[in-house]
C-alpha cells in the first residue's frame, strides 16, 4: 500500500513538472521562435523563402507584434509599413511568415469597422 502511494506521488510530481514545462514553452513560443530580429521594413518587403531560411519573415514577427503594430493603428498605415498582404478579407489581413516549426505561419492583423487595428497574432496553418 505504501509503495502505491509513493508511486502515485512520483507520478503526480512528474506529470506536474512536464505540464509546467509544456505550458511555459507554449506561452513563450512566439518569443523563442519569432523573436530573433527587430523589424526592418526593407528586409520584410524583400524577403523570399529559401531552402536555408524557410521561416523567412518569422524572425521579425514578434518585434512587429510587440513594438510596431500598436492597437488603433489605421489599416492603411499597416499596409504601407508591411506592403501588400498575402491574404485579405473584410476586417483581416495576413502576411506569410514561411515554414516555422514545421508548419506554415502567418502574421494576421484584425481591424474594427473603422479600419483600426484591434490585435495581431501569429497564425499557424
N, C-alpha and C. Protein backbone atom coordinates (compact mmCIF):
# COMPACT_ATOMS: atom_id res chain seq x y z
N UNK A 1 0.82 -1.20 0.00
CA UNK A 1 0.00 0.00 0.00
C UNK A 1 0.87 1.26 0.00
N UNK A 2 1.95 1.22 0.79
CA UNK A 2 2.84 2.36 0.86
C UNK A 2 3.55 2.58 -0.48
N UNK A 3 3.89 1.51 -1.18
CA UNK A 3 4.54 1.61 -2.49
C UNK A 3 3.62 2.27 -3.50
N UNK A 4 2.34 1.99 -3.45
CA UNK A 4 1.37 2.59 -4.37
C UNK A 4 1.27 4.10 -4.12
N UNK A 5 1.27 4.51 -2.84
CA UNK A 5 1.21 5.93 -2.52
C UNK A 5 2.46 6.65 -3.01
N UNK A 6 3.62 6.04 -2.82
CA UNK A 6 4.88 6.65 -3.28
C UNK A 6 4.90 6.75 -4.80
N UNK A 7 4.48 5.67 -5.47
CA UNK A 7 4.43 5.67 -6.93
C UNK A 7 3.44 6.71 -7.45
N UNK A 8 2.30 6.84 -6.80
CA UNK A 8 1.30 7.85 -7.19
C UNK A 8 1.86 9.26 -7.00
N UNK A 9 2.55 9.50 -5.89
CA UNK A 9 3.13 10.81 -5.63
C UNK A 9 4.20 11.15 -6.67
N UNK A 10 5.06 10.20 -6.99
CA UNK A 10 6.10 10.41 -8.01
C UNK A 10 5.46 10.68 -9.37
N UNK A 11 4.43 9.93 -9.72
CA UNK A 11 3.73 10.14 -11.00
C UNK A 11 3.11 11.52 -11.05
N UNK A 12 2.47 11.94 -9.96
CA UNK A 12 1.85 13.26 -9.90
C UNK A 12 2.90 14.36 -10.09
N UNK A 13 4.03 14.23 -9.39
CA UNK A 13 5.09 15.23 -9.48
C UNK A 13 5.65 15.30 -10.91
N UNK A 14 5.88 14.15 -11.53
CA UNK A 14 6.38 14.13 -12.91
C UNK A 14 5.39 14.77 -13.88
N UNK A 15 4.13 14.42 -13.75
CA UNK A 15 3.10 15.00 -14.63
C UNK A 15 3.02 16.50 -14.42
N UNK A 16 3.10 16.95 -13.18
CA UNK A 16 3.06 18.37 -12.87
C UNK A 16 4.24 19.10 -13.51
N UNK A 17 5.44 18.56 -13.35
CA UNK A 17 6.64 19.19 -13.92
C UNK A 17 6.56 19.24 -15.44
N UNK A 18 6.15 18.15 -16.06
CA UNK A 18 6.02 18.12 -17.52
C UNK A 18 4.98 19.13 -17.99
N UNK A 19 3.86 19.23 -17.28
CA UNK A 19 2.81 20.19 -17.64
C UNK A 19 3.31 21.62 -17.54
N UNK A 20 4.00 21.94 -16.45
CA UNK A 20 4.53 23.30 -16.28
C UNK A 20 5.53 23.62 -17.39
N UNK A 21 6.40 22.67 -17.71
CA UNK A 21 7.38 22.90 -18.78
C UNK A 21 6.68 23.10 -20.13
N UNK A 22 5.69 22.27 -20.44
CA UNK A 22 4.99 22.38 -21.71
C UNK A 22 4.26 23.71 -21.83
N UNK A 23 3.46 24.06 -20.81
CA UNK A 23 2.69 25.29 -20.90
C UNK A 23 3.58 26.53 -20.81
N UNK A 24 4.70 26.43 -20.12
CA UNK A 24 5.68 27.52 -20.12
C UNK A 24 6.25 27.73 -21.51
N UNK A 25 6.62 26.62 -22.17
CA UNK A 25 7.12 26.73 -23.54
C UNK A 25 6.04 27.28 -24.46
N UNK A 26 4.81 26.81 -24.31
CA UNK A 26 3.71 27.25 -25.17
C UNK A 26 3.48 28.75 -25.02
N UNK A 27 3.54 29.25 -23.79
CA UNK A 27 3.33 30.68 -23.55
C UNK A 27 4.45 31.52 -24.15
N UNK A 28 5.67 31.00 -24.16
CA UNK A 28 6.82 31.75 -24.65
C UNK A 28 7.22 31.37 -26.08
N UNK A 29 6.44 30.52 -26.72
CA UNK A 29 6.78 30.01 -28.06
C UNK A 29 7.00 31.14 -29.06
N UNK A 30 6.11 32.12 -29.08
CA UNK A 30 6.26 33.21 -30.04
C UNK A 30 7.58 33.93 -29.85
N UNK A 31 7.98 34.14 -28.60
CA UNK A 31 9.25 34.83 -28.34
C UNK A 31 10.43 33.97 -28.79
N UNK A 32 10.42 32.68 -28.46
CA UNK A 32 11.54 31.81 -28.80
C UNK A 32 11.68 31.58 -30.30
N UNK A 33 10.56 31.41 -31.00
CA UNK A 33 10.60 31.07 -32.42
C UNK A 33 10.63 32.31 -33.30
N UNK A 34 9.88 33.35 -32.93
CA UNK A 34 9.70 34.50 -33.81
C UNK A 34 10.34 35.78 -33.28
N UNK A 35 11.25 35.70 -32.31
CA UNK A 35 11.75 36.91 -31.68
C UNK A 35 13.21 37.21 -31.88
N UNK A 36 13.83 36.77 -32.95
CA UNK A 36 15.28 36.95 -33.12
C UNK A 36 15.69 38.34 -33.59
N UNK A 37 14.90 39.00 -34.40
CA UNK A 37 15.34 40.25 -35.04
C UNK A 37 14.33 41.37 -34.84
N UNK A 38 14.85 42.58 -34.88
CA UNK A 38 13.96 43.75 -34.88
C UNK A 38 13.40 43.92 -36.29
N UNK A 39 12.24 44.55 -36.37
CA UNK A 39 11.58 44.75 -37.65
C UNK A 39 12.40 45.68 -38.53
N UNK A 40 12.59 45.27 -39.77
CA UNK A 40 13.27 46.07 -40.80
C UNK A 40 12.36 46.05 -42.02
N UNK A 41 11.82 47.20 -42.38
CA UNK A 41 10.83 47.28 -43.45
C UNK A 41 11.37 46.76 -44.78
N UNK A 42 12.59 47.10 -45.12
CA UNK A 42 13.17 46.66 -46.39
C UNK A 42 13.32 45.14 -46.40
N UNK A 43 13.86 44.56 -45.32
CA UNK A 43 14.00 43.10 -45.25
C UNK A 43 12.64 42.42 -45.30
N UNK A 44 11.65 43.00 -44.63
CA UNK A 44 10.31 42.41 -44.59
C UNK A 44 9.72 42.34 -45.99
N UNK A 45 9.77 43.44 -46.71
CA UNK A 45 9.14 43.51 -48.03
C UNK A 45 9.90 42.69 -49.06
N UNK A 46 11.22 42.64 -48.98
CA UNK A 46 12.01 41.94 -49.99
C UNK A 46 12.29 40.48 -49.64
N UNK A 47 11.87 40.02 -48.48
CA UNK A 47 12.17 38.64 -48.05
C UNK A 47 11.52 37.61 -48.97
N UNK A 48 12.26 36.56 -49.28
CA UNK A 48 11.79 35.46 -50.12
C UNK A 48 12.16 34.14 -49.44
N UNK A 49 11.31 33.13 -49.57
CA UNK A 49 11.64 31.83 -48.97
C UNK A 49 12.83 31.19 -49.68
N UNK A 50 13.63 30.48 -48.91
CA UNK A 50 14.75 29.74 -49.49
C UNK A 50 14.93 28.45 -48.69
N UNK A 51 15.75 27.54 -49.22
CA UNK A 51 15.99 26.27 -48.53
C UNK A 51 16.67 26.48 -47.18
N UNK A 52 17.60 27.46 -47.10
CA UNK A 52 18.29 27.66 -45.83
C UNK A 52 17.49 28.53 -44.87
N UNK A 53 16.48 29.24 -45.33
CA UNK A 53 15.67 30.09 -44.45
C UNK A 53 14.19 29.96 -44.83
N UNK A 54 13.55 28.83 -44.48
CA UNK A 54 12.14 28.65 -44.83
C UNK A 54 11.22 29.57 -44.02
N UNK A 55 11.64 29.98 -42.83
CA UNK A 55 10.86 30.90 -41.99
C UNK A 55 11.40 32.32 -42.24
N UNK A 56 11.23 32.78 -43.47
CA UNK A 56 11.96 33.95 -43.96
C UNK A 56 11.54 35.28 -43.36
N UNK A 57 10.34 35.40 -42.83
CA UNK A 57 9.92 36.63 -42.16
C UNK A 57 9.70 36.42 -40.66
N UNK A 58 9.80 35.20 -40.24
CA UNK A 58 9.46 34.85 -38.86
C UNK A 58 10.28 35.56 -37.80
N UNK A 59 11.55 35.84 -38.09
CA UNK A 59 12.41 36.48 -37.10
C UNK A 59 11.90 37.84 -36.65
N UNK A 60 11.19 38.53 -37.51
CA UNK A 60 10.73 39.89 -37.19
C UNK A 60 9.31 39.93 -36.64
N UNK A 61 8.60 38.82 -36.66
CA UNK A 61 7.18 38.81 -36.31
C UNK A 61 6.90 39.21 -34.87
N UNK A 62 7.68 38.72 -33.93
CA UNK A 62 7.44 39.05 -32.52
C UNK A 62 7.67 40.53 -32.27
N UNK A 63 8.74 41.09 -32.84
CA UNK A 63 9.01 42.52 -32.68
C UNK A 63 7.88 43.35 -33.28
N UNK A 64 7.38 42.93 -34.43
CA UNK A 64 6.25 43.62 -35.04
C UNK A 64 5.04 43.63 -34.10
N UNK A 65 4.71 42.46 -33.56
CA UNK A 65 3.56 42.36 -32.66
C UNK A 65 3.72 43.21 -31.41
N UNK A 66 4.90 43.19 -30.82
CA UNK A 66 5.10 43.85 -29.54
C UNK A 66 5.39 45.35 -29.64
N UNK A 67 6.11 45.76 -30.66
CA UNK A 67 6.62 47.13 -30.69
C UNK A 67 6.05 48.00 -31.80
N UNK A 68 5.75 47.42 -32.95
CA UNK A 68 5.40 48.22 -34.12
C UNK A 68 3.89 48.30 -34.35
N UNK A 69 3.22 47.17 -34.33
CA UNK A 69 1.79 47.14 -34.62
C UNK A 69 0.99 47.46 -33.35
N UNK A 70 0.72 48.73 -33.15
CA UNK A 70 0.05 49.17 -31.94
C UNK A 70 -1.46 49.21 -32.15
N UNK A 71 -2.18 48.90 -31.11
CA UNK A 71 -3.65 48.93 -31.15
C UNK A 71 -4.11 50.33 -31.56
N UNK A 72 -5.05 50.37 -32.51
CA UNK A 72 -5.56 51.64 -33.01
C UNK A 72 -4.87 52.13 -34.27
N UNK A 73 -3.83 51.43 -34.71
CA UNK A 73 -3.12 51.82 -35.94
C UNK A 73 -4.07 51.68 -37.13
N UNK A 74 -4.15 52.70 -38.00
CA UNK A 74 -5.01 52.60 -39.18
C UNK A 74 -4.52 51.51 -40.14
N UNK A 75 -5.48 50.89 -40.81
CA UNK A 75 -5.17 49.80 -41.75
C UNK A 75 -4.24 50.26 -42.86
N UNK A 76 -4.47 51.46 -43.39
CA UNK A 76 -3.63 51.93 -44.49
C UNK A 76 -2.18 52.15 -44.04
N UNK A 77 -1.96 52.56 -42.82
CA UNK A 77 -0.59 52.71 -42.30
C UNK A 77 0.07 51.35 -42.18
N UNK A 78 -0.68 50.35 -41.70
CA UNK A 78 -0.14 49.00 -41.57
C UNK A 78 0.27 48.44 -42.94
N UNK A 79 -0.57 48.66 -43.95
CA UNK A 79 -0.23 48.15 -45.28
C UNK A 79 0.91 48.94 -45.93
N UNK A 80 1.02 50.22 -45.63
CA UNK A 80 2.17 50.99 -46.12
C UNK A 80 3.44 50.46 -45.49
N UNK A 81 3.38 50.16 -44.21
CA UNK A 81 4.54 49.68 -43.47
C UNK A 81 4.96 48.27 -43.89
N UNK A 82 3.97 47.37 -44.08
CA UNK A 82 4.27 45.96 -44.33
C UNK A 82 4.16 45.54 -45.79
N UNK A 83 3.62 46.39 -46.64
CA UNK A 83 3.46 46.02 -48.04
C UNK A 83 2.13 45.32 -48.29
N UNK A 84 2.01 44.75 -49.47
CA UNK A 84 0.77 44.08 -49.86
C UNK A 84 0.62 42.77 -49.08
N UNK A 85 -0.55 42.55 -48.48
CA UNK A 85 -0.75 41.31 -47.71
C UNK A 85 -0.87 40.08 -48.61
N UNK A 86 -0.55 38.93 -48.04
CA UNK A 86 -0.69 37.66 -48.74
C UNK A 86 -2.16 37.30 -48.89
N UNK A 87 -2.93 37.62 -47.86
CA UNK A 87 -4.36 37.29 -47.83
C UNK A 87 -5.10 38.46 -47.22
N UNK A 88 -6.29 38.74 -47.76
CA UNK A 88 -7.05 39.89 -47.28
C UNK A 88 -8.53 39.56 -47.26
N UNK A 89 -9.20 39.99 -46.20
CA UNK A 89 -10.63 39.80 -46.05
C UNK A 89 -11.14 41.04 -45.30
N UNK A 90 -12.46 41.21 -45.28
CA UNK A 90 -13.01 42.34 -44.54
C UNK A 90 -12.65 42.20 -43.06
N UNK A 91 -11.90 43.14 -42.54
CA UNK A 91 -11.53 43.12 -41.13
C UNK A 91 -10.27 42.35 -40.80
N UNK A 92 -9.66 41.68 -41.78
CA UNK A 92 -8.45 40.89 -41.51
C UNK A 92 -7.51 40.95 -42.71
N UNK A 93 -6.22 40.96 -42.40
CA UNK A 93 -5.20 40.75 -43.43
C UNK A 93 -4.13 39.84 -42.84
N UNK A 94 -3.42 39.15 -43.72
CA UNK A 94 -2.38 38.24 -43.24
C UNK A 94 -1.16 38.33 -44.13
N UNK A 95 0.00 38.25 -43.49
CA UNK A 95 1.29 38.23 -44.18
C UNK A 95 1.96 36.90 -43.91
N UNK A 96 2.42 36.25 -44.96
CA UNK A 96 3.08 34.96 -44.83
C UNK A 96 4.43 35.14 -44.13
N UNK A 97 4.70 34.24 -43.18
CA UNK A 97 5.99 34.24 -42.47
C UNK A 97 6.91 33.15 -42.99
N UNK A 98 6.33 32.10 -43.56
CA UNK A 98 7.11 30.98 -44.05
C UNK A 98 6.83 29.73 -43.23
N UNK A 99 7.65 28.71 -43.41
CA UNK A 99 7.51 27.45 -42.68
C UNK A 99 8.36 27.53 -41.41
N UNK A 100 7.69 27.75 -40.29
CA UNK A 100 8.34 27.87 -39.00
C UNK A 100 7.78 26.77 -38.10
N UNK A 101 8.63 26.09 -37.39
CA UNK A 101 8.19 24.97 -36.53
C UNK A 101 7.44 23.92 -37.34
N UNK A 102 7.91 23.58 -38.49
CA UNK A 102 7.39 22.51 -39.35
C UNK A 102 6.02 22.79 -39.94
N UNK A 103 5.49 24.00 -39.79
CA UNK A 103 4.20 24.34 -40.38
C UNK A 103 4.27 25.76 -40.92
N UNK A 104 3.35 26.04 -41.83
CA UNK A 104 3.30 27.39 -42.39
C UNK A 104 2.65 28.33 -41.37
N UNK A 105 3.23 29.51 -41.21
CA UNK A 105 2.72 30.51 -40.28
C UNK A 105 2.48 31.83 -41.01
N UNK A 106 1.60 32.63 -40.44
CA UNK A 106 1.33 33.95 -40.98
C UNK A 106 1.10 34.94 -39.85
N UNK A 107 1.35 36.20 -40.12
CA UNK A 107 1.06 37.26 -39.17
C UNK A 107 -0.29 37.84 -39.56
N UNK A 108 -1.29 37.62 -38.73
CA UNK A 108 -2.65 38.05 -39.04
C UNK A 108 -2.99 39.30 -38.23
N UNK A 109 -3.54 40.29 -38.93
CA UNK A 109 -3.95 41.55 -38.31
C UNK A 109 -5.46 41.66 -38.37
N UNK A 110 -6.08 42.04 -37.26
CA UNK A 110 -7.53 42.18 -37.16
C UNK A 110 -7.88 43.66 -37.00
N UNK A 111 -8.88 44.11 -37.77
CA UNK A 111 -9.29 45.51 -37.74
C UNK A 111 -10.77 45.63 -37.41
N UNK A 112 -11.14 46.76 -36.79
CA UNK A 112 -12.55 47.00 -36.48
C UNK A 112 -13.25 47.62 -37.70
N UNK A 113 -14.49 48.05 -37.53
CA UNK A 113 -15.25 48.62 -38.64
C UNK A 113 -14.69 49.95 -39.14
N UNK A 114 -13.91 50.62 -38.30
CA UNK A 114 -13.29 51.88 -38.69
C UNK A 114 -11.87 51.69 -39.23
N UNK A 115 -11.52 50.44 -39.54
CA UNK A 115 -10.19 50.07 -40.04
C UNK A 115 -9.06 50.46 -39.09
N UNK A 116 -9.30 50.29 -37.81
CA UNK A 116 -8.27 50.48 -36.78
C UNK A 116 -7.85 49.11 -36.27
N UNK A 117 -6.57 48.92 -36.05
CA UNK A 117 -6.04 47.64 -35.59
C UNK A 117 -6.58 47.29 -34.21
N UNK A 118 -7.16 46.09 -34.12
CA UNK A 118 -7.65 45.58 -32.84
C UNK A 118 -6.56 44.75 -32.18
N UNK A 119 -6.01 43.81 -32.96
CA UNK A 119 -4.95 42.95 -32.43
C UNK A 119 -4.22 42.28 -33.59
N UNK A 120 -3.09 41.68 -33.26
CA UNK A 120 -2.34 40.90 -34.23
C UNK A 120 -1.94 39.60 -33.56
N UNK A 121 -1.80 38.56 -34.38
CA UNK A 121 -1.37 37.28 -33.82
C UNK A 121 -0.64 36.48 -34.89
N UNK A 122 0.17 35.54 -34.43
CA UNK A 122 0.87 34.65 -35.33
C UNK A 122 -0.01 33.42 -35.50
N UNK A 123 -0.47 33.19 -36.72
CA UNK A 123 -1.41 32.10 -37.00
C UNK A 123 -0.66 30.94 -37.65
N UNK A 124 -1.07 29.75 -37.28
CA UNK A 124 -0.48 28.52 -37.83
C UNK A 124 -1.48 27.91 -38.80
N UNK A 125 -1.00 27.45 -39.96
CA UNK A 125 -1.89 26.87 -40.98
C UNK A 125 -1.63 25.39 -41.12
